[in-house]
PDB file of N, CA and C in Angstrom:
ATOM      1  N   MET A   1     -17.180  -9.191 -29.737  1.00  0.00           N
ATOM      2  CA  MET A   1     -16.881  -7.811 -29.987  1.00  0.00           C
ATOM      3  C   MET A   1     -17.217  -6.939 -28.775  1.00  0.00           C
ATOM      4  N   GLU A   2     -18.283  -7.274 -28.028  1.00  0.00           N
ATOM      5  CA  GLU A   2     -18.679  -6.478 -26.882  1.00  0.00           C
ATOM      6  C   GLU A   2     -17.592  -6.485 -25.805  1.00  0.00           C
ATOM      7  N   GLY A   3     -16.942  -7.609 -25.613  1.00  0.00           N
ATOM      8  CA  GLY A   3     -15.881  -7.711 -24.616  1.00  0.00           C
ATOM      9  C   GLY A   3     -14.734  -6.778 -24.917  1.00  0.00           C
ATOM     10  N   GLN A   4     -14.399  -6.598 -26.185  1.00  0.00           N
ATOM     11  CA  GLN A   4     -13.319  -5.697 -26.559  1.00  0.00           C
ATOM     12  C   GLN A   4     -13.686  -4.251 -26.263  1.00  0.00           C
ATOM     13  N   GLY A   5     -14.943  -3.874 -26.483  1.00  0.00           N
ATOM     14  CA  GLY A   5     -15.385  -2.512 -26.220  1.00  0.00           C
ATOM     15  C   GLY A   5     -15.226  -2.167 -24.750  1.00  0.00           C
ATOM     16  N   ALA A   6     -15.576  -3.083 -23.880  1.00  0.00           N
ATOM     17  CA  ALA A   6     -15.468  -2.844 -22.440  1.00  0.00           C
ATOM     18  C   ALA A   6     -14.002  -2.747 -22.017  1.00  0.00           C
ATOM     19  N   ALA A   7     -13.161  -3.589 -22.599  1.00  0.00           N
ATOM     20  CA  ALA A   7     -11.749  -3.582 -22.240  1.00  0.00           C
ATOM     21  C   ALA A   7     -11.065  -2.314 -22.736  1.00  0.00           C
ATOM     22  N   ALA A   8     -11.534  -1.767 -23.834  1.00  0.00           N
ATOM     23  CA  ALA A   8     -10.905  -0.585 -24.416  1.00  0.00           C
ATOM     24  C   ALA A   8     -11.493   0.722 -23.870  1.00  0.00           C
ATOM     25  N   ASP A   9     -12.576   0.657 -23.108  1.00  0.00           N
ATOM     26  CA  ASP A   9     -13.224   1.858 -22.589  1.00  0.00           C
ATOM     27  C   ASP A   9     -12.338   2.514 -21.526  1.00  0.00           C
ATOM     28  N   PRO A  10     -11.799   3.704 -21.807  1.00  0.00           N
ATOM     29  CA  PRO A  10     -10.891   4.343 -20.849  1.00  0.00           C
ATOM     30  C   PRO A  10     -11.554   4.691 -19.519  1.00  0.00           C
ATOM     31  N   GLN A  11     -12.826   5.060 -19.543  1.00  0.00           N
ATOM     32  CA  GLN A  11     -13.519   5.383 -18.287  1.00  0.00           C
ATOM     33  C   GLN A  11     -13.644   4.144 -17.415  1.00  0.00           C
ATOM     34  N   LEU A  12     -13.954   3.016 -18.019  1.00  0.00           N
ATOM     35  CA  LEU A  12     -14.056   1.769 -17.270  1.00  0.00           C
ATOM     36  C   LEU A  12     -12.692   1.376 -16.696  1.00  0.00           C
ATOM     37  N   GLN A  13     -11.663   1.511 -17.504  1.00  0.00           N
ATOM     38  CA  GLN A  13     -10.319   1.180 -17.031  1.00  0.00           C
ATOM     39  C   GLN A  13      -9.917   2.093 -15.870  1.00  0.00           C
ATOM     40  N   GLN A  14     -10.243   3.377 -15.985  1.00  0.00           N
ATOM     41  CA  GLN A  14      -9.950   4.335 -14.916  1.00  0.00           C
ATOM     42  C   GLN A  14     -10.699   3.956 -13.640  1.00  0.00           C
ATOM     43  N   PHE A  15     -11.977   3.610 -13.772  1.00  0.00           N
ATOM     44  CA  PHE A  15     -12.797   3.210 -12.626  1.00  0.00           C
ATOM     45  C   PHE A  15     -12.201   1.978 -11.951  1.00  0.00           C
ATOM     46  N   ILE A  16     -11.814   0.998 -12.740  1.00  0.00           N
ATOM     47  CA  ILE A  16     -11.244  -0.239 -12.199  1.00  0.00           C
ATOM     48  C   ILE A  16      -9.936   0.057 -11.476  1.00  0.00           C
ATOM     49  N   GLU A  17      -9.111   0.922 -12.048  1.00  0.00           N
ATOM     50  CA  GLU A  17      -7.844   1.272 -11.413  1.00  0.00           C
ATOM     51  C   GLU A  17      -8.073   1.977 -10.078  1.00  0.00           C
ATOM     52  N   VAL A  18      -9.007   2.926 -10.062  1.00  0.00           N
ATOM     53  CA  VAL A  18      -9.309   3.648  -8.821  1.00  0.00           C
ATOM     54  C   VAL A  18      -9.827   2.688  -7.754  1.00  0.00           C
ATOM     55  N   GLU A  19     -10.729   1.800  -8.127  1.00  0.00           N
ATOM     56  CA  GLU A  19     -11.271   0.830  -7.172  1.00  0.00           C
ATOM     57  C   GLU A  19     -10.188  -0.124  -6.674  1.00  0.00           C
ATOM     58  N   SER A  20      -9.283  -0.512  -7.552  1.00  0.00           N
ATOM     59  CA  SER A  20      -8.170  -1.375  -7.141  1.00  0.00           C
ATOM     60  C   SER A  20      -7.268  -0.666  -6.145  1.00  0.00           C
ATOM     61  N   GLN A  21      -7.009   0.628  -6.385  1.00  0.00           N
ATOM     62  CA  GLN A  21      -6.199   1.399  -5.446  1.00  0.00           C
ATOM     63  C   GLN A  21      -6.888   1.517  -4.098  1.00  0.00           C
ATOM     64  N   LYS A  22      -8.198   1.741  -4.114  1.00  0.00           N
ATOM     65  CA  LYS A  22      -8.949   1.813  -2.852  1.00  0.00           C
ATOM     66  C   LYS A  22      -8.829   0.493  -2.091  1.00  0.00           C
ATOM     67  N   GLN A  23      -8.958  -0.611  -2.805  1.00  0.00           N
ATOM     68  CA  GLN A  23      -8.875  -1.925  -2.168  1.00  0.00           C
ATOM     69  C   GLN A  23      -7.485  -2.146  -1.571  1.00  0.00           C
ATOM     70  N   ARG A  24      -6.439  -1.787  -2.314  1.00  0.00           N
ATOM     71  CA  ARG A  24      -5.076  -1.950  -1.795  1.00  0.00           C
ATOM     72  C   ARG A  24      -4.869  -1.089  -0.552  1.00  0.00           C
ATOM     73  N   PHE A  25      -5.395   0.130  -0.571  1.00  0.00           N
ATOM     74  CA  PHE A  25      -5.262   1.014   0.582  1.00  0.00           C
ATOM     75  C   PHE A  25      -5.983   0.425   1.791  1.00  0.00           C
ATOM     76  N   GLN A  26      -7.190  -0.093   1.597  1.00  0.00           N
ATOM     77  CA  GLN A  26      -7.945  -0.691   2.699  1.00  0.00           C
ATOM     78  C   GLN A  26      -7.211  -1.906   3.264  1.00  0.00           C
ATOM     79  N   GLN A  27      -6.600  -2.702   2.397  1.00  0.00           N
ATOM     80  CA  GLN A  27      -5.838  -3.851   2.863  1.00  0.00           C
ATOM     81  C   GLN A  27      -4.628  -3.406   3.682  1.00  0.00           C
ATOM     82  N   LEU A  28      -3.984  -2.330   3.232  1.00  0.00           N
ATOM     83  CA  LEU A  28      -2.828  -1.802   3.950  1.00  0.00           C
ATOM     84  C   LEU A  28      -3.226  -1.292   5.332  1.00  0.00           C
ATOM     85  N   VAL A  29      -4.328  -0.566   5.407  1.00  0.00           N
ATOM     86  CA  VAL A  29      -4.819  -0.056   6.695  1.00  0.00           C
ATOM     87  C   VAL A  29      -5.167  -1.222   7.620  1.00  0.00           C
ATOM     88  N   HIS A  30      -5.828  -2.236   7.080  1.00  0.00           N
ATOM     89  CA  HIS A  30      -6.188  -3.403   7.891  1.00  0.00           C
ATOM     90  C   HIS A  30      -4.933  -4.092   8.425  1.00  0.00           C
ATOM     91  N   GLN A  31      -3.954  -4.275   7.564  1.00  0.00           N
ATOM     92  CA  GLN A  31      -2.719  -4.934   7.976  1.00  0.00           C
ATOM     93  C   GLN A  31      -1.998  -4.101   9.043  1.00  0.00           C
ATOM     94  N   MET A  32      -1.937  -2.782   8.825  1.00  0.00           N
ATOM     95  CA  MET A  32      -1.279  -1.906   9.789  1.00  0.00           C
ATOM     96  C   MET A  32      -1.994  -1.950  11.134  1.00  0.00           C
ATOM     97  N   THR A  33      -3.307  -1.912  11.111  1.00  0.00           N
ATOM     98  CA  THR A  33      -4.088  -1.959  12.343  1.00  0.00           C
ATOM     99  C   THR A  33      -3.815  -3.254  13.096  1.00  0.00           C
ATOM    100  N   GLU A  34      -3.809  -4.359  12.380  1.00  0.00           N
ATOM    101  CA  GLU A  34      -3.574  -5.661  13.004  1.00  0.00           C
ATOM    102  C   GLU A  34      -2.178  -5.733  13.628  1.00  0.00           C
ATOM    103  N   VAL A  35      -1.169  -5.310  12.876  1.00  0.00           N
ATOM    104  CA  VAL A  35       0.204  -5.374  13.371  1.00  0.00           C
ATOM    105  C   VAL A  35       0.381  -4.488  14.604  1.00  0.00           C
ATOM    106  N   CYS A  36      -0.085  -3.249  14.518  1.00  0.00           N
ATOM    107  CA  CYS A  36       0.120  -2.307  15.615  1.00  0.00           C
ATOM    108  C   CYS A  36      -0.719  -2.679  16.839  1.00  0.00           C
ATOM    109  N   TRP A  37      -1.910  -3.214  16.623  1.00  0.00           N
ATOM    110  CA  TRP A  37      -2.742  -3.640  17.752  1.00  0.00           C
ATOM    111  C   TRP A  37      -2.040  -4.752  18.513  1.00  0.00           C
ATOM    112  N   GLU A  38      -1.553  -5.751  17.783  1.00  0.00           N
ATOM    113  CA  GLU A  38      -0.867  -6.879  18.427  1.00  0.00           C
ATOM    114  C   GLU A  38       0.394  -6.416  19.153  1.00  0.00           C
ATOM    115  N   LYS A  39       1.091  -5.457  18.578  1.00  0.00           N
ATOM    116  CA  LYS A  39       2.352  -4.998  19.156  1.00  0.00           C
ATOM    117  C   LYS A  39       2.135  -4.102  20.373  1.00  0.00           C
ATOM    118  N   CYS A  40       1.111  -3.260  20.344  1.00  0.00           N
ATOM    119  CA  CYS A  40       1.003  -2.180  21.341  1.00  0.00           C
ATOM    120  C   CYS A  40      -0.074  -2.384  22.405  1.00  0.00           C
ATOM    121  N   MET A  41      -1.098  -3.124  22.114  1.00  0.00           N
ATOM    122  CA  MET A  41      -2.244  -3.189  23.026  1.00  0.00           C
ATOM    123  C   MET A  41      -2.099  -4.357  23.988  1.00  0.00           C
ATOM    124  N   ASP A  42      -1.758  -4.034  25.245  1.00  0.00           N
ATOM    125  CA  ASP A  42      -1.620  -5.070  26.264  1.00  0.00           C
ATOM    126  C   ASP A  42      -2.987  -5.569  26.715  1.00  0.00           C
ATOM    127  N   LYS A  43      -3.768  -4.653  27.244  1.00  0.00           N
ATOM    128  CA  LYS A  43      -5.115  -4.998  27.679  1.00  0.00           C
ATOM    129  C   LYS A  43      -6.043  -3.822  27.385  1.00  0.00           C
ATOM    130  N   PRO A  44      -7.084  -4.065  26.620  1.00  0.00           N
ATOM    131  CA  PRO A  44      -8.015  -2.976  26.271  1.00  0.00           C
ATOM    132  C   PRO A  44      -8.675  -2.390  27.511  1.00  0.00           C
ATOM    133  N   GLY A  45      -8.846  -1.086  27.498  1.00  0.00           N
ATOM    134  CA  GLY A  45      -9.498  -0.386  28.597  1.00  0.00           C
ATOM    135  C   GLY A  45     -10.274   0.805  28.061  1.00  0.00           C
ATOM    136  N   PRO A  46     -10.842   1.587  28.953  1.00  0.00           N
ATOM    137  CA  PRO A  46     -11.654   2.722  28.502  1.00  0.00           C
ATOM    138  C   PRO A  46     -10.820   3.854  27.889  1.00  0.00           C
ATOM    139  N   LYS A  47      -9.529   3.924  28.236  1.00  0.00           N
ATOM    140  CA  LYS A  47      -8.648   4.964  27.704  1.00  0.00           C
ATOM    141  C   LYS A  47      -7.292   4.370  27.371  1.00  0.00           C
ATOM    142  N   LEU A  48      -6.587   5.035  26.430  1.00  0.00           N
ATOM    143  CA  LEU A  48      -5.218   4.638  26.129  1.00  0.00           C
ATOM    144  C   LEU A  48      -4.282   5.370  27.076  1.00  0.00           C
ATOM    145  N   ASP A  49      -3.351   4.643  27.664  1.00  0.00           N
ATOM    146  CA  ASP A  49      -2.350   5.346  28.446  1.00  0.00           C
ATOM    147  C   ASP A  49      -1.303   5.939  27.489  1.00  0.00           C
ATOM    148  N   SER A  50      -0.470   6.807  27.995  1.00  0.00           N
ATOM    149  CA  SER A  50       0.470   7.525  27.122  1.00  0.00           C
ATOM    150  C   SER A  50       1.471   6.568  26.466  1.00  0.00           C
ATOM    151  N   ARG A  51       1.867   5.519  27.173  1.00  0.00           N
ATOM    152  CA  ARG A  51       2.810   4.552  26.606  1.00  0.00           C
ATOM    153  C   ARG A  51       2.190   3.836  25.420  1.00  0.00           C
ATOM    154  N   THR A  52       0.937   3.405  25.567  1.00  0.00           N
ATOM    155  CA  THR A  52       0.245   2.697  24.487  1.00  0.00           C
ATOM    156  C   THR A  52       0.016   3.623  23.299  1.00  0.00           C
ATOM    157  N   GLU A  53      -0.395   4.853  23.594  1.00  0.00           N
ATOM    158  CA  GLU A  53      -0.611   5.814  22.508  1.00  0.00           C
ATOM    159  C   GLU A  53       0.686   6.079  21.752  1.00  0.00           C
ATOM    160  N   SER A  54       1.765   6.254  22.488  1.00  0.00           N
ATOM    161  CA  SER A  54       3.070   6.481  21.869  1.00  0.00           C
ATOM    162  C   SER A  54       3.485   5.280  21.015  1.00  0.00           C
ATOM    163  N   CYS A  55       3.222   4.091  21.508  1.00  0.00           N
ATOM    164  CA  CYS A  55       3.533   2.870  20.769  1.00  0.00           C
ATOM    165  C   CYS A  55       2.765   2.833  19.450  1.00  0.00           C
ATOM    166  N   PHE A  56       1.462   3.148  19.501  1.00  0.00           N
ATOM    167  CA  PHE A  56       0.650   3.163  18.283  1.00  0.00           C
ATOM    168  C   PHE A  56       1.185   4.181  17.272  1.00  0.00           C
ATOM    169  N   VAL A  57       1.497   5.378  17.743  1.00  0.00           N
ATOM    170  CA  VAL A  57       2.007   6.421  16.849  1.00  0.00           C
ATOM    171  C   VAL A  57       3.304   5.956  16.189  1.00  0.00           C
ATOM    172  N   ASN A  58       4.233   5.444  16.984  1.00  0.00           N
ATOM    173  CA  ASN A  58       5.504   4.970  16.434  1.00  0.00           C
ATOM    174  C   ASN A  58       5.309   3.804  15.476  1.00  0.00           C
ATOM    175  N   CYS A  59       4.432   2.894  15.822  1.00  0.00           N
ATOM    176  CA  CYS A  59       4.171   1.728  14.984  1.00  0.00           C
ATOM    177  C   CYS A  59       3.623   2.157  13.617  1.00  0.00           C
ATOM    178  N   VAL A  60       2.644   3.042  13.634  1.00  0.00           N
ATOM    179  CA  VAL A  60       2.051   3.509  12.378  1.00  0.00           C
ATOM    180  C   VAL A  60       3.092   4.248  11.547  1.00  0.00           C
ATOM    181  N   GLU A  61       3.874   5.102  12.171  1.00  0.00           N
ATOM    182  CA  GLU A  61       4.900   5.836  11.427  1.00  0.00           C
ATOM    183  C   GLU A  61       5.928   4.897  10.811  1.00  0.00           C
ATOM    184  N   ARG A  62       6.363   3.883  11.556  1.00  0.00           N
ATOM    185  CA  ARG A  62       7.330   2.922  11.012  1.00  0.00           C
ATOM    186  C   ARG A  62       6.701   2.096   9.893  1.00  0.00           C
ATOM    187  N   PHE A  63       5.450   1.729  10.060  1.00  0.00           N
ATOM    188  CA  PHE A  63       4.753   0.955   9.035  1.00  0.00           C
ATOM    189  C   PHE A  63       4.676   1.755   7.740  1.00  0.00           C
ATOM    190  N   ILE A  64       4.319   3.037   7.850  1.00  0.00           N
ATOM    191  CA  ILE A  64       4.224   3.905   6.667  1.00  0.00           C
ATOM    192  C   ILE A  64       5.606   4.093   6.044  1.00  0.00           C
ATOM    193  N   ASP A  65       6.611   4.347   6.875  1.00  0.00           N
ATOM    194  CA  ASP A  65       7.974   4.518   6.360  1.00  0.00           C
ATOM    195  C   ASP A  65       8.446   3.268   5.618  1.00  0.00           C
ATOM    196  N   THR A  66       8.209   2.120   6.210  1.00  0.00           N
ATOM    197  CA  THR A  66       8.623   0.862   5.596  1.00  0.00           C
ATOM    198  C   THR A  66       7.882   0.613   4.289  1.00  0.00           C
ATOM    199  N   SER A  67       6.580   0.845   4.287  1.00  0.00           N
ATOM    200  CA  SER A  67       5.793   0.659   3.068  1.00  0.00           C
ATOM    201  C   SER A  67       6.283   1.587   1.960  1.00  0.00           C
ATOM    202  N   GLN A  68       6.568   2.830   2.306  1.00  0.00           N
ATOM    203  CA  GLN A  68       7.058   3.798   1.315  1.00  0.00           C
ATOM    204  C   GLN A  68       8.425   3.390   0.797  1.00  0.00           C
ATOM    205  N   PHE A  69       9.295   2.912   1.679  1.00  0.00           N
ATOM    206  CA  PHE A  69      10.622   2.463   1.266  1.00  0.00           C
ATOM    207  C   PHE A  69      10.512   1.309   0.273  1.00  0.00           C
ATOM    208  N   ILE A  70       9.662   0.342   0.595  1.00  0.00           N
ATOM    209  CA  ILE A  70       9.484  -0.820  -0.286  1.00  0.00           C
ATOM    210  C   ILE A  70       8.927  -0.387  -1.636  1.00  0.00           C
ATOM    211  N   LEU A  71       7.934   0.494  -1.613  1.00  0.00           N
ATOM    212  CA  LEU A  71       7.350   0.986  -2.857  1.00  0.00           C
ATOM    213  C   LEU A  71       8.399   1.703  -3.704  1.00  0.00           C
ATOM    214  N   ASN A  72       9.185   2.579  -3.087  1.00  0.00           N
ATOM    215  CA  ASN A  72      10.237   3.282  -3.822  1.00  0.00           C
ATOM    216  C   ASN A  72      11.265   2.315  -4.402  1.00  0.00           C
ATOM    217  N   ARG A  73      11.615   1.302  -3.632  1.00  0.00           N
ATOM    218  CA  ARG A  73      12.595   0.315  -4.097  1.00  0.00           C
ATOM    219  C   ARG A  73      12.050  -0.472  -5.288  1.00  0.00           C
ATOM    220  N   LEU A  74      10.783  -0.862  -5.216  1.00  0.00           N
ATOM    221  CA  LEU A  74      10.174  -1.584  -6.326  1.00  0.00           C
ATOM    222  C   LEU A  74      10.101  -0.718  -7.584  1.00  0.00           C
ATOM    223  N   GLU A  75       9.736   0.555  -7.421  1.00  0.00           N
ATOM    224  CA  GLU A  75       9.691   1.460  -8.570  1.00  0.00           C
ATOM    225  C   GLU A  75      11.082   1.632  -9.167  1.00  0.00           C
ATOM    226  N   GLN A  76      12.083   1.756  -8.319  1.00  0.00           N
ATOM    227  CA  GLN A  76      13.458   1.893  -8.789  1.00  0.00           C
ATOM    228  C   GLN A  76      13.887   0.644  -9.559  1.00  0.00           C
ATOM    229  N   THR A  77      13.528  -0.518  -9.043  1.00  0.00           N
ATOM    230  CA  THR A  77      13.862  -1.775  -9.705  1.00  0.00           C
ATOM    231  C   THR A  77      13.168  -1.867 -11.068  1.00  0.00           C
ATOM    232  N   GLN A  78      11.888  -1.469 -11.113  1.00  0.00           N
ATOM    233  CA  GLN A  78      11.141  -1.472 -12.383  1.00  0.00           C
ATOM    234  C   GLN A  78      11.829  -0.577 -13.406  1.00  0.00           C
ATOM    235  N   ARG A  79      12.222   0.638 -12.985  1.00  0.00           N
ATOM    236  CA  ARG A  79      12.875   1.573 -13.912  1.00  0.00           C
ATOM    237  C   ARG A  79      14.211   1.014 -14.398  1.00  0.00           C
ATOM    238  N   THR A  80      14.955   0.401 -13.486  1.00  0.00           N
ATOM    239  CA  THR A  80      16.246  -0.162 -13.857  1.00  0.00           C
ATOM    240  C   THR A  80      16.063  -1.288 -14.866  1.00  0.00           C
ATOM    241  N   ARG A  81      15.113  -2.157 -14.615  1.00  0.00           N
ATOM    242  CA  ARG A  81      14.841  -3.256 -15.551  1.00  0.00           C
ATOM    243  C   ARG A  81      14.325  -2.731 -16.881  1.00  0.00           C
ATOM    244  N   GLY A  82      13.470  -1.714 -16.816  1.00  0.00           N
ATOM    245  CA  GLY A  82      12.917  -1.133 -18.035  1.00  0.00           C
ATOM    246  C   GLY A  82      13.994  -0.490 -18.889  1.00  0.00           C
ATOM    247  N   SER A  83      14.919   0.234 -18.266  1.00  0.00           N
ATOM    248  CA  SER A  83      15.968   0.906 -19.036  1.00  0.00           C
ATOM    249  C   SER A  83      16.987  -0.099 -19.564  1.00  0.00           C
ATOM    250  N   SER A  84      17.253  -1.170 -18.831  1.00  0.00           N
ATOM    251  CA  SER A  84      18.200  -2.165 -19.332  1.00  0.00           C
ATOM    252  C   SER A  84      17.573  -2.990 -20.458  1.00  0.00           C
ATOM    253  N   SER A  85      16.271  -3.212 -20.441  1.00  0.00           N
ATOM    254  CA  SER A  85      15.641  -3.933 -21.548  1.00  0.00           C
ATOM    255  C   SER A  85      15.528  -3.019 -22.767  1.00  0.00           C
ATOM    256  N   ASP A  86      15.370  -1.697 -22.534  1.00  0.00           N
ATOM    257  CA  ASP A  86      15.363  -0.744 -23.647  1.00  0.00           C
ATOM    258  C   ASP A  86      16.722  -0.712 -24.325  1.00  0.00           C
ATOM    259  N   SER A  87      17.796  -0.712 -23.538  1.00  0.00           N
ATOM    260  CA  SER A  87      19.125  -0.646 -24.127  1.00  0.00           C
ATOM    261  C   SER A  87      19.477  -1.951 -24.849  1.00  0.00           C
ATOM    262  N   MET A  88      18.932  -3.068 -24.416  1.00  0.00           N
ATOM    263  CA  MET A  88      19.185  -4.342 -25.081  1.00  0.00           C
ATOM    264  C   MET A  88      18.482  -4.405 -26.433  1.00  0.00           C
ATOM    265  N   SER A  89      17.357  -3.736 -26.555  1.00  0.00           N
ATOM    266  CA  SER A  89      16.609  -3.802 -27.807  1.00  0.00           C
ATOM    267  C   SER A  89      17.161  -2.840 -28.853  1.00  0.00           C
ATOM    268  N   ASP A  90      18.059  -1.935 -28.444  1.00  0.00           N
ATOM    269  CA  ASP A  90      18.653  -0.983 -29.405  1.00  0.00           C
ATOM    270  C   ASP A  90      19.649  -1.603 -30.317  1.00  0.00           C
TER     271      ASP A  90
END
């Protein structure tokens, strides 16, 4: 019975969801950092030259754009599947 109480606790569920979102965000930042570092950083030095800085900015912007596009596409697919399963059950 105790396990059901914890699973049904809305505050606990909210906390778990928030922590999961934080973890996903941290993973995304780590992945973006790794990809852009490999793509843009030729040789580390005391300062970034303008070409390297520009590369990092463009890389991050493209990474964010791509991630947002994929997320929107997945949400659209979910809605399409949800509405077609709703119409089938009618």
